[in-house]
Amino acid sequence: MSSSSLTGLPTPEGRTPDRERRGVLDRVLALIERAGNTLPNPIVLFAALFLLLGIVSTALALAHVAVDVPGTDDTKAITGLFTGEGLRWLVENLIPNFATFPPIGAVLVLIMVVGLCERTGLLEAAMRATLARVPRATLPYAVALIASQAHMMSDVAAIVLPPLAALVFKNAGRHPAAGLIGGFACVTAGYAAGFTIGSLDALYVGITQQAAAVLPAADGLDIHLLINYFFTASSSVALALLGGFLISRVLEPRLGPYESADDEPVGQDTSLTLVQRRGLLLTGIVVVVYLGAVLALWLPPGAPLRGDGGAYVPSPLLSGIVPVLFGAFLLAGLTYGITVKTLTSTEDAVTAVTDSVKTMSGYIVMMFVAAQVIALFTWSNVAVLLAVKAAAVFNSLGVTGFWAIMAFVLLVACLNLFILSGSALWSLVGPVFIPAFMLMGMSPALSQAAFRIGDSATGVLTPMNPYVFLVLAMLREYEPEARLGTLISRLAIFAGPFLVLWLAILGVFYGFDLPLGPGAHIGLR
């Protein structure tokens, strides 16, 4: 009877680890795993937070606590949930809190069409087309660049890209484990970067809108889907260069020369069929024509998608970017699916879309509870109180400006070891730190950009990431004796450099006061 390693996967025979032989890394990982396992399901966590917030707000309300908002003459009294006024608010607003929660609509709309593209095979074909003809020397950089855009595919990226990268590496005569591990590391540690837009961006910005609204300074701020676009696009290029360097110059040399085993899976052909190539070509033409039409409705003087006074920013195009992206993904998925015959009827298309939404059932339930927590934070004015206190603590410690941003990134990076869900973590820290940084003169766009860094970089280091175990199982096809500690030690190569470089890029934006996205400045304006 075989034993199991820390992953719960079977350990190769003859290599059974015991407690005495565990190294420091294994013990640290085991500690993280145990600590993370003590955390309740995010839905239960938010429910408990709602109850705690209700008790605290009621106690503060009975004590007649009020908070002066710095920079204004406004004084906000704390209102309690478990009072007559609070119970009336809850009964009247329970459903509106959820129905009007900004991330819900945008995320589900994008998931429907991104899921359509994934199920028709478009996304995988696009990755294959990109990697199949890449020269051997630049292959690690191509893998890293594609990985840094992969959040558009949501969690599918962590399943599809690593094994595909391993096959491409093997076919190119490189170590397949380098492609597997490097591809997964770049997908995860650079997850929130990219010049592509997806449901993750909609999720972030929806929570950002809600959290910023607690302060009067939010009036007039244009918080839209692209508020971090300049930052994430430039970051993805820099992280791709760094990721490619780490794969080829650090990770692959440590793996040594590759020798395939007798029972190892035979390398597969990663090229595309004639039909798939035709599908990609037609899809590209349709999307280019569509985007050209959108630009024609935005760029010319007097165009209907221009803003007030003919402004490009803000404008209906930016505030309505989700419907624009919906149209692009929908046309792309339908064109490719019909061409390659993965869609043979309208029923196939409907099934692909509905199946995509089915996978979001847990997210919808979590967002229902999270919406109540954020709404209570706002209505009770506890968010303002915590933000004022947090800003005062930062100022008293002399931690202001970019130093405060760095401290926030490190805090999120640590929390990300235990709370891997970006939506859950941003819902927890956003309502406190977005207003706190606004009181320090920093925009919600800057807070969101900082969160992206911490929410991504350390995801490769935690056994709470279920895809780590999937990658370990894939790795054992090439290295049967590989263990969790082996994999994490190799993934750790990426976490620190990605964190440092990404912070440096944000520092450049901060230091030169560069916009993080269209109309999204570093400070409040």
Protein backbone atom coordinates (compact mmCIF):
# COMPACT_ATOMS: atom_id res chain seq x y z
CA MET A 1 0.00 0.00 0.00
CA SER A 2 1.57 3.26 -1.11
CA SER A 3 1.85 6.27 1.16
CA SER A 4 0.96 9.81 0.20
CA SER A 5 2.91 13.04 0.22
CA LEU A 6 1.77 16.42 1.41
CA THR A 7 -0.33 16.73 -1.74
CA GLY A 8 -2.43 13.68 -1.04
CA LEU A 9 -1.15 12.20 -4.31
CA PRO A 10 0.61 8.84 -4.28
CA THR A 11 4.34 9.05 -3.66
CA PRO A 12 6.54 7.02 -6.02
CA GLU A 13 7.47 3.66 -4.58
CA GLY A 14 10.71 3.60 -2.67
CA ARG A 15 10.64 7.36 -1.99
CA THR A 16 8.25 7.54 0.96
CA PRO A 17 8.98 10.65 3.04
CA ASP A 18 8.77 10.57 6.81
CA ARG A 19 8.48 13.47 9.22
CA GLU A 20 12.11 13.32 10.27
CA ARG A 21 13.31 13.73 6.71
CA ARG A 22 11.15 16.73 5.87
CA GLY A 23 13.17 19.85 5.09
CA VAL A 24 12.45 23.40 6.18
CA LEU A 25 10.50 24.09 2.99
CA ASP A 26 8.23 21.09 3.53
CA ARG A 27 7.55 22.13 7.12
CA VAL A 28 6.73 25.71 6.09
CA LEU A 29 4.42 24.48 3.34
CA ALA A 30 2.73 22.09 5.73
CA LEU A 31 2.19 24.97 8.17
CA ILE A 32 0.66 27.13 5.44
CA GLU A 33 -1.54 24.26 4.35
CA ARG A 34 -2.78 23.59 7.88
CA ALA A 35 -3.39 27.28 8.56
CA GLY A 36 -5.22 27.70 5.28
CA ASN A 37 -7.35 24.64 5.91
CA THR A 38 -8.55 26.16 9.17
CA LEU A 39 -10.12 29.02 7.24
CA PRO A 40 -13.81 28.50 6.50
CA ASN A 41 -15.30 28.52 3.04
CA PRO A 42 -15.33 32.14 1.72
CA ILE A 43 -19.13 32.14 1.86
CA VAL A 44 -19.06 31.22 5.54
CA LEU A 45 -16.23 33.71 6.09
CA PHE A 46 -18.30 36.57 4.65
CA ALA A 47 -21.39 35.48 6.57
CA ALA A 48 -19.38 35.56 9.81
CA LEU A 49 -17.93 38.95 8.87
CA PHE A 50 -21.45 40.28 8.22
CA LEU A 51 -22.57 39.13 11.66
CA LEU A 52 -19.47 40.60 13.32
CA LEU A 53 -19.89 43.86 11.45
CA GLY A 54 -23.52 44.01 12.53
CA ILE A 55 -22.57 43.59 16.19
CA VAL A 56 -19.72 46.12 16.01
CA SER A 57 -21.79 48.71 14.15
CA THR A 58 -24.61 48.36 16.67
CA ALA A 59 -22.23 48.77 19.62
CA LEU A 60 -20.65 51.85 18.03
CA ALA A 61 -24.08 53.31 17.23
CA LEU A 62 -25.27 52.83 20.82
CA ALA A 63 -22.08 54.58 21.96
CA HIS A 64 -22.94 57.50 19.62
CA VAL A 65 -19.64 57.22 17.76
CA ALA A 66 -19.19 59.56 14.82
CA VAL A 67 -16.31 60.24 12.44
CA ASP A 68 -15.17 63.48 10.84
CA VAL A 69 -14.17 63.00 7.21
CA PRO A 70 -10.83 64.78 6.68
CA GLY A 71 -10.91 67.55 4.10
CA THR A 72 -14.63 68.10 4.46
CA ASP A 73 -17.08 69.51 6.98
CA ASP A 74 -18.93 66.22 6.90
CA THR A 75 -19.46 64.22 10.11
CA LYS A 76 -20.81 60.70 9.74
CA ALA A 77 -22.51 58.96 12.65
CA ILE A 78 -22.16 55.18 12.91
CA THR A 79 -25.46 53.40 12.33
CA GLY A 80 -26.09 49.93 13.73
CA LEU A 81 -27.51 46.90 11.96
CA PHE A 82 -29.29 45.49 15.00
CA THR A 83 -31.40 48.56 15.58
CA GLY A 84 -34.83 49.46 14.28
CA GLU A 85 -33.28 51.58 11.55
CA GLY A 86 -30.79 48.85 10.66
CA LEU A 87 -33.39 46.12 10.41
CA ARG A 88 -35.54 48.31 8.16
CA TRP A 89 -32.50 48.96 5.97
CA LEU A 90 -31.72 45.25 5.71
CA VAL A 91 -35.26 44.23 4.80
CA GLU A 92 -35.55 46.93 2.16
CA ASN A 93 -32.08 46.49 0.66
CA LEU A 94 -31.12 42.80 0.90
CA ILE A 95 -32.08 42.12 -2.71
CA PRO A 96 -31.01 45.51 -4.16
CA ASN A 97 -27.60 45.12 -2.47
CA PHE A 98 -27.06 42.00 -4.52
CA ALA A 99 -28.89 42.96 -7.71
CA THR A 100 -26.99 46.25 -8.05
CA PHE A 101 -23.58 44.90 -6.96
CA PRO A 102 -21.36 46.07 -9.88
CA PRO A 103 -19.21 42.94 -10.38
CA ILE A 104 -22.16 40.59 -10.84
CA GLY A 105 -23.49 41.71 -14.19
CA ALA A 106 -20.15 42.48 -15.81
CA VAL A 107 -18.51 39.22 -14.72
CA LEU A 108 -21.39 37.00 -15.80
CA VAL A 109 -21.74 38.78 -19.15
CA LEU A 110 -18.05 38.25 -19.96
CA ILE A 111 -17.98 34.70 -18.59
CA MET A 112 -20.76 33.71 -20.99
CA VAL A 113 -18.84 34.70 -24.11
CA VAL A 114 -15.34 33.83 -22.90
CA GLY A 115 -16.73 30.40 -22.05
CA LEU A 116 -18.15 30.18 -25.56
CA CYS A 117 -14.68 30.91 -27.00
CA GLU A 118 -13.10 28.33 -24.70
CA ARG A 119 -15.61 25.58 -25.45
CA THR A 120 -15.41 26.04 -29.20
CA GLY A 121 -11.64 25.53 -28.96
CA LEU A 122 -10.77 29.08 -30.04
CA LEU A 123 -8.62 29.99 -27.05
CA GLU A 124 -6.54 26.81 -27.13
CA ALA A 125 -6.13 27.07 -30.90
CA ALA A 126 -4.95 30.67 -30.54
CA MET A 127 -2.32 29.58 -28.01
CA ARG A 128 -1.21 26.69 -30.21
CA ALA A 129 -0.94 28.98 -33.21
CA THR A 130 1.19 31.38 -31.22
CA LEU A 131 3.57 28.77 -29.82
CA ALA A 132 3.82 26.23 -32.65
CA ARG A 133 6.23 28.20 -34.84
CA VAL A 134 8.17 30.08 -32.18
CA PRO A 135 11.97 29.61 -32.52
CA ARG A 136 13.55 27.40 -29.88
CA ALA A 137 15.61 30.23 -28.36
CA THR A 138 12.65 32.56 -27.84
CA LEU A 139 10.17 29.89 -26.78
CA PRO A 140 10.38 30.67 -23.01
CA TYR A 141 9.63 34.33 -23.68
CA ALA A 142 6.64 33.46 -25.89
CA VAL A 143 5.25 31.16 -23.18
CA ALA A 144 5.71 33.88 -20.55
CA LEU A 145 4.06 36.52 -22.74
CA ILE A 146 1.02 34.36 -23.47
CA ALA A 147 0.80 33.38 -19.80
CA SER A 148 0.73 37.02 -18.73
CA GLN A 149 -2.41 37.53 -20.85
CA ALA A 150 -4.08 34.34 -19.71
CA HIS A 151 -6.38 35.81 -17.04
CA MET A 152 -8.76 36.48 -19.94
CA MET A 153 -9.38 32.71 -19.88
CA SER A 154 -9.96 32.70 -16.10
CA ASP A 155 -8.93 29.46 -14.36
CA VAL A 156 -8.90 27.59 -17.65
CA ALA A 157 -5.47 29.12 -18.31
CA ALA A 158 -3.91 27.21 -15.40
CA ILE A 159 -5.26 23.96 -16.84
CA VAL A 160 -4.55 24.43 -20.54
CA LEU A 161 -1.34 26.46 -20.86
CA PRO A 162 1.15 24.50 -18.65
CA PRO A 163 0.76 21.09 -20.37
CA LEU A 164 0.68 22.78 -23.77
CA ALA A 165 3.92 24.61 -22.94
CA ALA A 166 5.48 21.31 -21.83
CA LEU A 167 4.61 19.68 -25.15
CA VAL A 168 5.96 22.60 -27.16
CA PHE A 169 9.20 22.59 -25.14
CA LYS A 170 9.60 18.86 -25.64
CA ASN A 171 8.98 19.08 -29.37
CA ALA A 172 11.59 21.86 -29.55
CA GLY A 173 14.18 19.69 -27.78
CA ARG A 174 13.97 21.59 -24.50
CA HIS A 175 13.12 20.29 -21.04
CA PRO A 176 9.33 19.81 -20.88
CA ALA A 177 9.27 20.38 -17.11
CA ALA A 178 10.65 23.87 -17.71
CA GLY A 179 7.72 24.65 -19.99
CA LEU A 180 5.24 23.11 -17.57
CA ILE A 181 6.50 24.83 -14.43
CA GLY A 182 7.41 28.11 -16.15
CA GLY A 183 4.06 28.32 -17.89
CA PHE A 184 2.15 27.75 -14.67
CA ALA A 185 4.36 30.18 -12.72
CA CYS A 186 3.86 32.97 -15.24
CA VAL A 187 0.11 32.36 -15.44
CA THR A 188 -0.23 32.55 -11.67
CA ALA A 189 2.39 35.10 -10.55
CA GLY A 190 1.43 37.47 -13.36
CA TYR A 191 -2.26 36.62 -13.33
CA ALA A 192 -3.62 40.16 -13.00
CA ALA A 193 -1.37 41.65 -15.69
CA GLY A 194 -1.98 41.72 -19.43
CA PHE A 195 -3.14 43.85 -22.32
CA THR A 196 -6.20 41.63 -22.66
CA ILE A 197 -9.41 42.40 -20.78
CA GLY A 198 -11.57 39.81 -19.05
CA SER A 199 -13.93 39.04 -16.22
CA LEU A 200 -11.16 39.59 -13.63
CA ASP A 201 -11.01 43.27 -14.57
CA ALA A 202 -14.77 43.57 -14.26
CA LEU A 203 -14.67 41.91 -10.86
CA TYR A 204 -11.94 44.23 -9.55
CA VAL A 205 -13.46 47.45 -10.79
CA GLY A 206 -16.95 46.62 -9.52
CA ILE A 207 -15.68 46.20 -5.98
CA THR A 208 -13.50 49.31 -6.38
CA GLN A 209 -16.54 51.37 -7.34
CA GLN A 210 -18.46 50.22 -4.29
CA ALA A 211 -15.58 50.79 -1.88
CA ALA A 212 -14.72 54.27 -3.20
CA ALA A 213 -18.32 55.44 -2.98
CA VAL A 214 -18.19 55.78 0.81
CA LEU A 215 -16.28 59.07 0.52
CA PRO A 216 -17.45 62.32 -1.09
CA ALA A 217 -14.14 62.44 -2.99
CA ALA A 218 -15.46 59.63 -5.18
CA ASP A 219 -17.93 62.04 -6.81
CA GLY A 220 -16.71 62.84 -10.28
CA LEU A 221 -14.20 59.98 -10.42
CA ASP A 222 -14.52 57.95 -13.61
CA ILE A 223 -13.98 54.39 -12.37
CA HIS A 224 -14.25 52.13 -15.39
CA LEU A 225 -12.98 48.77 -16.62
CA LEU A 226 -9.75 50.21 -18.06
CA ILE A 227 -8.50 52.23 -15.07
CA ASN A 228 -5.41 49.98 -14.82
CA TYR A 229 -4.97 49.24 -18.52
CA PHE A 230 -1.74 51.20 -19.15
CA PHE A 231 -0.21 49.67 -16.03
CA THR A 232 -1.25 46.08 -16.73
CA ALA A 233 -0.32 46.23 -20.43
CA SER A 234 3.18 47.55 -19.77
CA SER A 235 3.60 45.17 -16.83
CA SER A 236 2.74 42.15 -18.97
CA VAL A 237 5.56 42.92 -21.41
CA ALA A 238 8.12 43.46 -18.62
CA LEU A 239 6.97 40.36 -16.73
CA ALA A 240 7.13 38.31 -19.93
CA LEU A 241 10.77 39.30 -20.44
CA LEU A 242 11.54 38.48 -16.82
CA GLY A 243 9.56 35.22 -16.94
CA GLY A 244 11.30 34.11 -20.12
CA PHE A 245 14.69 34.88 -18.59
CA LEU A 246 13.89 32.94 -15.41
CA ILE A 247 12.66 29.94 -17.40
CA SER A 248 15.64 29.75 -19.74
CA ARG A 249 18.49 30.98 -17.53
CA VAL A 250 17.47 29.90 -14.02
CA LEU A 251 14.84 27.14 -14.04
CA GLU A 252 15.90 25.05 -17.04
CA PRO A 253 19.63 24.85 -16.11
CA ARG A 254 18.63 23.63 -12.64
CA LEU A 255 16.68 20.78 -14.19
CA GLY A 256 19.71 19.41 -15.97
CA PRO A 257 19.69 17.56 -19.31
CA TYR A 258 16.40 15.94 -20.19
CA GLU A 259 16.17 12.23 -20.91
CA SER A 260 12.77 10.78 -21.69
CA ALA A 261 11.70 7.64 -19.86
CA ASP A 262 10.60 4.50 -21.65
CA ASP A 263 7.02 4.80 -20.42
CA GLU A 264 6.77 8.57 -20.86
CA PRO A 265 4.00 9.92 -23.07
CA VAL A 266 5.14 10.42 -26.65
CA GLY A 267 5.42 14.03 -27.77
CA GLN A 268 2.27 15.29 -29.45
CA ASP A 269 1.81 17.44 -32.51
CA THR A 270 0.94 20.98 -31.40
CA SER A 271 0.36 22.30 -34.92
CA LEU A 272 -3.08 23.25 -36.18
CA THR A 273 -5.17 21.54 -38.82
CA LEU A 274 -6.09 23.36 -42.02
CA VAL A 275 -9.64 23.86 -40.72
CA GLN A 276 -8.39 25.33 -37.45
CA ARG A 277 -6.08 27.73 -39.28
CA ARG A 278 -8.96 28.80 -41.50
CA GLY A 279 -11.11 29.30 -38.41
CA LEU A 280 -8.50 31.52 -36.77
CA LEU A 281 -8.07 33.57 -39.94
CA LEU A 282 -11.80 34.18 -40.39
CA THR A 283 -12.17 34.94 -36.69
CA GLY A 284 -9.35 37.47 -36.84
CA ILE A 285 -10.93 39.20 -39.85
CA VAL A 286 -14.36 39.39 -38.19
CA VAL A 287 -12.94 40.77 -34.92
CA VAL A 288 -10.79 43.37 -36.74
CA VAL A 289 -13.80 44.56 -38.75
CA TYR A 290 -15.90 44.72 -35.58
CA LEU A 291 -13.27 46.71 -33.66
CA GLY A 292 -12.85 49.01 -36.65
CA ALA A 293 -16.57 49.74 -36.55
CA VAL A 294 -16.37 50.47 -32.83
CA LEU A 295 -13.47 52.88 -33.35
CA ALA A 296 -15.40 54.55 -36.18
CA LEU A 297 -18.14 55.28 -33.66
CA TRP A 298 -15.64 56.77 -31.19
CA LEU A 299 -12.75 58.51 -32.94
CA PRO A 300 -14.29 60.94 -35.49
CA PRO A 301 -15.54 64.37 -34.32
CA GLY A 302 -19.16 64.17 -33.30
CA ALA A 303 -19.09 60.36 -33.05
CA PRO A 304 -21.88 58.94 -30.86
CA LEU A 305 -19.49 57.18 -28.47
CA ARG A 306 -17.61 60.39 -27.64
CA GLY A 307 -18.15 61.94 -24.20
CA ASP A 308 -19.54 65.36 -23.29
CA GLY A 309 -17.98 68.09 -25.39
CA GLY A 310 -16.46 65.49 -27.71
CA ALA A 311 -14.17 64.07 -24.99
CA TYR A 312 -12.49 60.70 -25.46
CA VAL A 313 -12.21 60.27 -21.65
CA PRO A 314 -14.68 59.89 -20.03
CA SER A 315 -16.92 58.60 -22.77
CA PRO A 316 -19.71 56.07 -23.34
CA LEU A 317 -17.13 53.74 -24.93
CA LEU A 318 -15.09 53.45 -21.74
CA SER A 319 -18.08 53.24 -19.42
CA GLY A 320 -19.65 50.68 -21.77
CA ILE A 321 -16.52 48.66 -22.55
CA VAL A 322 -18.11 45.46 -21.19
CA PRO A 323 -20.83 45.36 -23.89
CA VAL A 324 -18.15 46.14 -26.51
CA LEU A 325 -16.03 43.21 -25.31
CA PHE A 326 -19.13 41.03 -25.16
CA GLY A 327 -19.71 41.66 -28.84
CA ALA A 328 -16.08 40.92 -29.74
CA PHE A 329 -15.95 37.61 -27.84
CA LEU A 330 -19.39 36.58 -29.09
CA LEU A 331 -18.50 37.16 -32.73
CA ALA A 332 -15.13 35.45 -32.26
CA GLY A 333 -16.59 32.36 -30.60
CA LEU A 334 -19.42 31.98 -33.10
CA THR A 335 -17.18 32.52 -36.13
CA TYR A 336 -14.57 30.01 -35.02
CA GLY A 337 -17.09 27.45 -33.77
CA ILE A 338 -19.10 27.52 -37.00
CA THR A 339 -15.96 27.34 -39.16
CA VAL A 340 -14.40 24.35 -37.40
CA LYS A 341 -17.85 22.81 -36.76
CA THR A 342 -17.60 22.68 -32.98
CA LEU A 343 -20.88 24.58 -33.21
CA THR A 344 -23.29 22.82 -35.53
CA SER A 345 -26.54 24.31 -34.29
CA THR A 346 -27.92 27.13 -32.22
CA GLU A 347 -28.43 24.60 -29.43
CA ASP A 348 -24.66 23.99 -29.30
CA ALA A 349 -24.00 27.70 -28.83
CA VAL A 350 -26.66 28.02 -26.13
CA THR A 351 -25.28 24.97 -24.32
CA ALA A 352 -21.73 26.36 -24.39
CA VAL A 353 -22.89 29.67 -22.93
CA THR A 354 -25.09 28.14 -20.25
CA ASP A 355 -22.42 25.65 -19.21
CA SER A 356 -20.04 28.56 -18.68
CA VAL A 357 -22.51 30.25 -16.35
CA LYS A 358 -23.10 26.99 -14.45
CA THR A 359 -19.46 26.99 -13.35
CA MET A 360 -20.06 30.37 -11.68
CA SER A 361 -22.70 29.14 -9.22
CA GLY A 362 -20.32 29.21 -6.26
CA TYR A 363 -19.12 32.67 -7.25
CA ILE A 364 -22.70 33.98 -7.40
CA VAL A 365 -23.48 32.72 -3.90
CA MET A 366 -20.25 34.22 -2.55
CA MET A 367 -20.98 37.56 -4.24
CA PHE A 368 -24.46 37.60 -2.67
CA VAL A 369 -22.94 37.50 0.80
CA ALA A 370 -20.02 39.77 -0.12
CA ALA A 371 -22.46 42.35 -1.51
CA GLN A 372 -24.26 42.47 1.85
CA VAL A 373 -20.96 42.92 3.71
CA ILE A 374 -19.80 45.79 1.49
CA ALA A 375 -23.24 47.42 1.57
CA LEU A 376 -23.27 47.23 5.38
CA PHE A 377 -19.74 48.63 5.50
CA THR A 378 -20.99 51.61 3.49
CA TRP A 379 -24.38 52.17 5.10
CA SER A 380 -23.14 51.86 8.69
CA ASN A 381 -20.21 54.24 8.02
CA VAL A 382 -17.86 51.70 9.62
CA ALA A 383 -15.87 51.71 6.38
CA VAL A 384 -15.28 55.45 6.75
CA LEU A 385 -14.29 55.02 10.39
CA LEU A 386 -11.81 52.24 9.59
CA ALA A 387 -10.43 54.19 6.63
CA VAL A 388 -9.83 57.30 8.72
CA LYS A 389 -8.18 55.26 11.46
CA ALA A 390 -6.03 53.33 8.97
CA ALA A 391 -4.91 56.55 7.29
CA ALA A 392 -4.08 58.02 10.72
CA VAL A 393 -2.02 54.95 11.64
CA PHE A 394 -0.07 55.17 8.37
CA ASN A 395 0.60 58.86 8.97
CA SER A 396 1.62 58.37 12.59
CA LEU A 397 4.11 55.71 11.54
CA GLY A 398 5.44 57.89 8.77
CA VAL A 399 4.29 55.34 6.19
CA THR A 400 2.85 57.56 3.48
CA GLY A 401 2.97 57.85 -0.27
CA PHE A 402 4.53 54.93 -2.11
CA TRP A 403 5.77 53.40 1.15
CA ALA A 404 2.12 52.92 2.14
CA ILE A 405 1.43 51.30 -1.22
CA MET A 406 4.38 48.92 -0.74
CA ALA A 407 3.15 47.98 2.74
CA PHE A 408 -0.29 47.28 1.29
CA VAL A 409 1.14 45.09 -1.49
CA LEU A 410 3.11 43.03 1.04
CA LEU A 411 0.04 42.64 3.25
CA VAL A 412 -2.05 41.41 0.31
CA ALA A 413 0.78 39.09 -0.80
CA CYS A 414 0.79 37.47 2.65
CA LEU A 415 -3.01 37.17 2.80
CA ASN A 416 -2.95 35.66 -0.69
CA LEU A 417 -1.19 32.61 0.73
CA PHE A 418 -4.36 31.77 2.64
CA ILE A 419 -7.21 33.46 0.73
CA LEU A 420 -6.54 32.61 -2.91
CA SER A 421 -9.84 33.96 -4.26
CA GLY A 422 -9.17 37.43 -5.65
CA SER A 423 -12.81 38.44 -5.35
CA ALA A 424 -12.95 37.36 -1.71
CA LEU A 425 -9.68 39.07 -0.80
CA TRP A 426 -10.48 42.33 -2.60
CA SER A 427 -13.94 42.36 -1.01
CA LEU A 428 -12.25 42.08 2.39
CA VAL A 429 -9.47 44.64 2.07
CA GLY A 430 -10.87 47.00 -0.58
CA PRO A 431 -13.58 48.66 1.55
CA VAL A 432 -10.94 49.63 4.14
CA PHE A 433 -7.85 50.49 2.12
CA ILE A 434 -9.41 52.21 -0.90
CA PRO A 435 -10.99 54.96 1.26
CA ALA A 436 -7.87 55.06 3.48
CA PHE A 437 -5.63 55.75 0.51
CA MET A 438 -8.16 58.25 -0.87
CA LEU A 439 -7.85 60.16 2.40
CA MET A 440 -4.10 60.17 1.77
CA GLY A 441 -4.67 61.67 -1.68
CA MET A 442 -4.29 58.47 -3.73
CA SER A 443 -6.81 57.32 -6.30
CA PRO A 444 -8.84 54.09 -6.26
CA ALA A 445 -7.06 53.16 -9.50
CA LEU A 446 -3.73 53.14 -7.64
CA SER A 447 -5.13 50.99 -4.81
CA GLN A 448 -6.51 48.51 -7.34
CA ALA A 449 -3.19 48.38 -9.22
CA ALA A 450 -1.34 47.68 -5.98
CA PHE A 451 -3.80 44.94 -5.09
CA ARG A 452 -3.22 43.25 -8.45
CA ILE A 453 0.45 42.78 -7.57
CA GLY A 454 -0.06 41.19 -4.16
CA ASP A 455 -3.00 39.13 -5.37
CA SER A 456 -0.86 37.51 -8.07
CA ALA A 457 2.79 37.15 -7.05
CA THR A 458 2.48 34.68 -4.17
CA GLY A 459 -0.22 32.47 -5.68
CA VAL A 460 2.48 30.05 -6.86
CA LEU A 461 3.81 29.49 -3.33
CA THR A 462 0.74 28.27 -1.53
CA PRO A 463 -0.62 24.72 -1.30
CA MET A 464 -4.04 26.39 -1.04
CA ASN A 465 -3.84 26.77 -4.82
CA PRO A 466 -5.57 23.62 -6.14
CA TYR A 467 -3.81 23.92 -9.49
CA VAL A 468 -0.45 23.40 -7.78
CA PHE A 469 -1.45 19.77 -7.23
CA LEU A 470 -2.64 19.45 -10.83
CA VAL A 471 0.73 20.70 -12.06
CA LEU A 472 2.48 18.31 -9.66
CA ALA A 473 0.57 15.40 -11.17
CA MET A 474 1.59 16.58 -14.64
CA LEU A 475 5.19 17.01 -13.52
CA ARG A 476 5.33 13.40 -12.36
CA GLU A 477 4.85 12.31 -15.95
CA TYR A 478 8.36 13.63 -16.56
CA GLU A 479 9.84 13.31 -13.05
CA PRO A 480 8.15 10.43 -11.18
CA GLU A 481 9.93 11.25 -7.90
CA ALA A 482 8.87 14.92 -7.79
CA ARG A 483 7.19 16.06 -4.58
CA LEU A 484 5.32 19.19 -3.54
CA GLY A 485 8.45 20.71 -2.05
CA THR A 486 10.28 20.07 -5.32
CA LEU A 487 7.63 21.90 -7.31
CA ILE A 488 7.24 24.83 -4.88
CA SER A 489 11.01 25.37 -4.70
CA ARG A 490 11.05 25.77 -8.47
CA LEU A 491 7.96 27.97 -8.54
CA ALA A 492 9.52 30.16 -5.83
CA ILE A 493 12.09 31.27 -8.40
CA PHE A 494 9.35 33.41 -9.94
CA ALA A 495 7.48 34.87 -6.95
CA GLY A 496 10.14 37.24 -5.56
CA PRO A 497 11.39 38.64 -8.90
CA PHE A 498 7.83 39.13 -10.17
CA LEU A 499 6.86 40.96 -6.96
CA VAL A 500 9.93 43.21 -7.07
CA LEU A 501 9.69 44.04 -10.77
CA TRP A 502 5.97 44.68 -10.63
CA LEU A 503 6.43 47.01 -7.64
CA ALA A 504 9.20 48.79 -9.53
CA ILE A 505 6.90 49.32 -12.51
CA LEU A 506 4.21 50.73 -10.25
CA GLY A 507 6.92 52.92 -8.69
CA VAL A 508 7.72 54.35 -12.11
CA PHE A 509 4.06 55.16 -12.71
CA TYR A 510 3.85 56.70 -9.24
CA GLY A 511 7.12 58.65 -9.44
CA PHE A 512 6.41 60.16 -12.86
CA ASP A 513 2.69 60.62 -12.15
CA LEU A 514 1.75 58.57 -15.19
CA PRO A 515 -1.90 57.62 -15.75
CA LEU A 516 -2.64 54.00 -14.85
CA GLY A 517 -5.36 53.87 -17.47
CA PRO A 518 -7.49 56.25 -19.55
CA GLY A 519 -8.39 59.11 -17.23
CA ALA A 520 -7.07 57.18 -14.19
CA HIS A 521 -4.43 59.20 -12.39
CA ILE A 522 -2.21 58.36 -9.43
CA GLY A 523 -3.76 61.03 -7.21
CA LEU A 524 -7.29 62.32 -6.76
CA ARG A 525 -8.07 64.99 -9.33
